[in-house]
Amino acid sequence: MSSYITVSTKVRKELVEKARALGVNISEVLRRSLEEWVMRRELEELEKKLEEMDEVLERIDLDEVTRIVREDRETR
């Protein structure tokens, strides 16, 4: 089960009044927005890690790996 905390922020009074007049659920909008931003940042971090891995993987000689695998199979 998830636990929750209260997060507060300052927002222009006029904006809150307009949102309420339009029936906007401010808590839900802020919650979804924060979830989306966190997901985007997590994806950015993952992309960075994948790029780093790509640099390492590019240095691997596939012919050498193939040769090693074949040698290993022949010894069994």
N, C-alpha and C. Protein backbone atom coordinates (compact mmCIF):
# COMPACT_ATOMS: atom_id res chain seq x y z
N MET A 1 0.84 -1.17 0.00
CA MET A 1 0.00 0.00 0.00
C MET A 1 0.88 1.23 0.00
N SER A 2 0.54 2.21 -0.81
CA SER A 2 1.32 3.44 -0.91
C SER A 2 1.00 4.37 0.24
N SER A 3 2.01 5.11 0.63
CA SER A 3 1.76 6.14 1.62
C SER A 3 1.80 7.49 0.90
N TYR A 4 1.16 8.45 1.46
CA TYR A 4 1.05 9.75 0.83
C TYR A 4 1.59 10.83 1.75
N ILE A 5 2.06 11.91 1.13
CA ILE A 5 2.42 13.11 1.87
C ILE A 5 1.74 14.29 1.20
N THR A 6 1.62 15.36 1.92
CA THR A 6 1.03 16.57 1.36
C THR A 6 2.15 17.46 0.84
N VAL A 7 1.98 17.93 -0.38
CA VAL A 7 2.94 18.82 -1.00
C VAL A 7 2.21 20.12 -1.28
N SER A 8 2.84 21.23 -0.97
CA SER A 8 2.16 22.50 -1.23
C SER A 8 3.02 23.36 -2.14
N THR A 9 2.35 24.24 -2.86
CA THR A 9 3.04 25.16 -3.75
C THR A 9 2.23 26.44 -3.84
N LYS A 10 2.90 27.50 -4.21
CA LYS A 10 2.19 28.77 -4.38
C LYS A 10 1.75 28.91 -5.83
N VAL A 11 0.50 29.28 -6.00
CA VAL A 11 -0.09 29.47 -7.32
C VAL A 11 -0.87 30.78 -7.28
N ARG A 12 -0.85 31.49 -8.40
CA ARG A 12 -1.58 32.75 -8.42
C ARG A 12 -3.05 32.53 -8.06
N LYS A 13 -3.56 33.39 -7.23
CA LYS A 13 -4.94 33.29 -6.75
C LYS A 13 -5.93 33.25 -7.91
N GLU A 14 -5.69 34.09 -8.91
CA GLU A 14 -6.60 34.16 -10.06
C GLU A 14 -6.67 32.82 -10.80
N LEU A 15 -5.52 32.16 -10.88
CA LEU A 15 -5.49 30.89 -11.58
C LEU A 15 -6.30 29.84 -10.83
N VAL A 16 -6.16 29.79 -9.53
CA VAL A 16 -6.92 28.84 -8.72
C VAL A 16 -8.42 29.15 -8.83
N GLU A 17 -8.77 30.41 -8.79
CA GLU A 17 -10.18 30.79 -8.89
C GLU A 17 -10.76 30.36 -10.25
N LYS A 18 -10.00 30.59 -11.32
CA LYS A 18 -10.47 30.18 -12.65
C LYS A 18 -10.61 28.66 -12.72
N ALA A 19 -9.64 27.94 -12.18
CA ALA A 19 -9.69 26.48 -12.20
C ALA A 19 -10.92 25.98 -11.45
N ARG A 20 -11.17 26.55 -10.29
CA ARG A 20 -12.34 26.12 -9.51
C ARG A 20 -13.63 26.44 -10.25
N ALA A 21 -13.68 27.61 -10.88
CA ALA A 21 -14.88 28.00 -11.63
C ALA A 21 -15.14 27.04 -12.79
N LEU A 22 -14.07 26.48 -13.33
CA LEU A 22 -14.19 25.54 -14.45
C LEU A 22 -14.37 24.10 -13.99
N GLY A 23 -14.39 23.91 -12.68
CA GLY A 23 -14.60 22.57 -12.14
C GLY A 23 -13.36 21.69 -12.22
N VAL A 24 -12.20 22.31 -12.29
CA VAL A 24 -10.95 21.56 -12.38
C VAL A 24 -10.59 20.99 -11.01
N ASN A 25 -10.25 19.71 -10.98
CA ASN A 25 -9.79 19.08 -9.76
C ASN A 25 -8.29 19.37 -9.67
N ILE A 26 -7.93 20.41 -8.95
CA ILE A 26 -6.55 20.89 -8.90
C ILE A 26 -5.61 19.81 -8.39
N SER A 27 -5.99 19.11 -7.35
CA SER A 27 -5.15 18.05 -6.80
C SER A 27 -4.84 16.98 -7.85
N GLU A 28 -5.86 16.57 -8.58
CA GLU A 28 -5.67 15.54 -9.60
C GLU A 28 -4.77 16.04 -10.73
N VAL A 29 -4.96 17.28 -11.16
CA VAL A 29 -4.13 17.84 -12.22
C VAL A 29 -2.67 17.91 -11.78
N LEU A 30 -2.43 18.38 -10.57
CA LEU A 30 -1.06 18.48 -10.07
C LEU A 30 -0.44 17.10 -9.89
N ARG A 31 -1.20 16.16 -9.39
CA ARG A 31 -0.71 14.79 -9.19
C ARG A 31 -0.31 14.18 -10.53
N ARG A 32 -1.18 14.27 -11.52
CA ARG A 32 -0.89 13.71 -12.84
C ARG A 32 0.32 14.39 -13.48
N SER A 33 0.36 15.70 -13.35
CA SER A 33 1.47 16.44 -13.93
C SER A 33 2.80 16.01 -13.32
N LEU A 34 2.84 15.89 -12.00
CA LEU A 34 4.06 15.46 -11.33
C LEU A 34 4.44 14.04 -11.75
N GLU A 35 3.46 13.16 -11.85
CA GLU A 35 3.73 11.78 -12.28
C GLU A 35 4.33 11.77 -13.69
N GLU A 36 3.78 12.59 -14.59
CA GLU A 36 4.28 12.65 -15.96
C GLU A 36 5.71 13.19 -16.01
N TRP A 37 5.98 14.23 -15.23
CA TRP A 37 7.33 14.80 -15.20
C TRP A 37 8.34 13.79 -14.66
N VAL A 38 7.95 13.07 -13.61
CA VAL A 38 8.85 12.07 -13.04
C VAL A 38 9.11 10.98 -14.07
N MET A 39 8.08 10.53 -14.76
CA MET A 39 8.25 9.49 -15.77
C MET A 39 9.18 9.97 -16.89
N ARG A 40 9.00 11.21 -17.33
CA ARG A 40 9.88 11.76 -18.37
C ARG A 40 11.33 11.77 -17.92
N ARG A 41 11.56 12.22 -16.70
CA ARG A 41 12.93 12.28 -16.18
C ARG A 41 13.52 10.89 -16.06
N GLU A 42 12.72 9.92 -15.61
CA GLU A 42 13.21 8.55 -15.52
C GLU A 42 13.59 8.02 -16.90
N LEU A 43 12.77 8.34 -17.90
CA LEU A 43 13.08 7.91 -19.26
C LEU A 43 14.35 8.58 -19.78
N GLU A 44 14.54 9.86 -19.45
CA GLU A 44 15.76 10.56 -19.85
C GLU A 44 16.98 9.90 -19.23
N GLU A 45 16.88 9.55 -17.96
CA GLU A 45 17.99 8.88 -17.28
C GLU A 45 18.28 7.52 -17.91
N LEU A 46 17.22 6.80 -18.25
CA LEU A 46 17.38 5.50 -18.89
C LEU A 46 18.04 5.65 -20.26
N GLU A 47 17.64 6.67 -21.01
CA GLU A 47 18.26 6.91 -22.32
C GLU A 47 19.74 7.21 -22.17
N LYS A 48 20.11 7.98 -21.16
CA LYS A 48 21.52 8.28 -20.93
C LYS A 48 22.30 7.01 -20.64
N LYS A 49 21.73 6.14 -19.80
CA LYS A 49 22.39 4.88 -19.47
C LYS A 49 22.52 3.99 -20.70
N LEU A 50 21.49 3.98 -21.53
CA LEU A 50 21.55 3.18 -22.75
C LEU A 50 22.62 3.71 -23.71
N GLU A 51 22.75 5.02 -23.80
CA GLU A 51 23.79 5.61 -24.64
C GLU A 51 25.17 5.22 -24.13
N GLU A 52 25.34 5.23 -22.81
CA GLU A 52 26.62 4.83 -22.23
C GLU A 52 26.90 3.36 -22.53
N MET A 53 25.88 2.54 -22.43
CA MET A 53 26.05 1.11 -22.73
C MET A 53 26.37 0.91 -24.20
N ASP A 54 25.75 1.70 -25.05
CA ASP A 54 25.98 1.59 -26.48
C ASP A 54 27.44 1.85 -26.80
N GLU A 55 28.04 2.85 -26.13
CA GLU A 55 29.45 3.15 -26.34
C GLU A 55 30.32 1.96 -25.96
N VAL A 56 29.97 1.29 -24.89
CA VAL A 56 30.73 0.12 -24.45
C VAL A 56 30.52 -1.04 -25.42
N LEU A 57 29.27 -1.26 -25.80
CA LEU A 57 28.96 -2.37 -26.70
C LEU A 57 29.59 -2.21 -28.08
N GLU A 58 29.75 -0.95 -28.52
CA GLU A 58 30.37 -0.72 -29.82
C GLU A 58 31.82 -1.19 -29.85
N ARG A 59 32.46 -1.23 -28.70
CA ARG A 59 33.86 -1.64 -28.63
C ARG A 59 34.03 -3.15 -28.64
N ILE A 60 32.94 -3.88 -28.54
CA ILE A 60 33.02 -5.34 -28.53
C ILE A 60 33.14 -5.84 -29.97
N ASP A 61 34.12 -6.66 -30.18
CA ASP A 61 34.36 -7.23 -31.50
C ASP A 61 33.48 -8.48 -31.65
N LEU A 62 32.45 -8.38 -32.47
CA LEU A 62 31.50 -9.48 -32.64
C LEU A 62 32.16 -10.71 -33.25
N ASP A 63 33.13 -10.51 -34.12
CA ASP A 63 33.85 -11.65 -34.69
C ASP A 63 34.59 -12.41 -33.60
N GLU A 64 35.18 -11.69 -32.69
CA GLU A 64 35.90 -12.31 -31.58
C GLU A 64 34.94 -13.08 -30.67
N VAL A 65 33.78 -12.49 -30.38
CA VAL A 65 32.78 -13.16 -29.55
C VAL A 65 32.31 -14.44 -30.24
N THR A 66 32.06 -14.37 -31.52
CA THR A 66 31.63 -15.54 -32.29
C THR A 66 32.70 -16.63 -32.23
N ARG A 67 33.95 -16.25 -32.41
CA ARG A 67 35.05 -17.21 -32.36
C ARG A 67 35.13 -17.90 -30.99
N ILE A 68 34.99 -17.11 -29.94
CA ILE A 68 35.07 -17.65 -28.58
C ILE A 68 33.92 -18.62 -28.31
N VAL A 69 32.72 -18.26 -28.74
CA VAL A 69 31.55 -19.13 -28.54
C VAL A 69 31.76 -20.45 -29.29
N ARG A 70 32.26 -20.37 -30.53
CA ARG A 70 32.48 -21.59 -31.32
C ARG A 70 33.54 -22.47 -30.66
N GLU A 71 34.59 -21.84 -30.19
CA GLU A 71 35.65 -22.61 -29.50
C GLU A 71 35.09 -23.30 -28.26
N ASP A 72 34.25 -22.59 -27.53
CA ASP A 72 33.67 -23.17 -26.32
C ASP A 72 32.78 -24.35 -26.66
N ARG A 73 32.01 -24.23 -27.71
CA ARG A 73 31.12 -25.32 -28.11
C ARG A 73 31.93 -26.55 -28.54
N GLU A 74 33.05 -26.31 -29.21
CA GLU A 74 33.87 -27.42 -29.69
C GLU A 74 34.54 -28.18 -28.55
N THR A 75 34.80 -27.49 -27.44
CA THR A 75 35.47 -28.13 -26.32
C THR A 75 34.50 -28.94 -25.46
N ARG A 76 33.23 -28.82 -25.69
CA ARG A 76 32.24 -29.54 -24.87
C ARG A 76 31.92 -30.87 -25.45
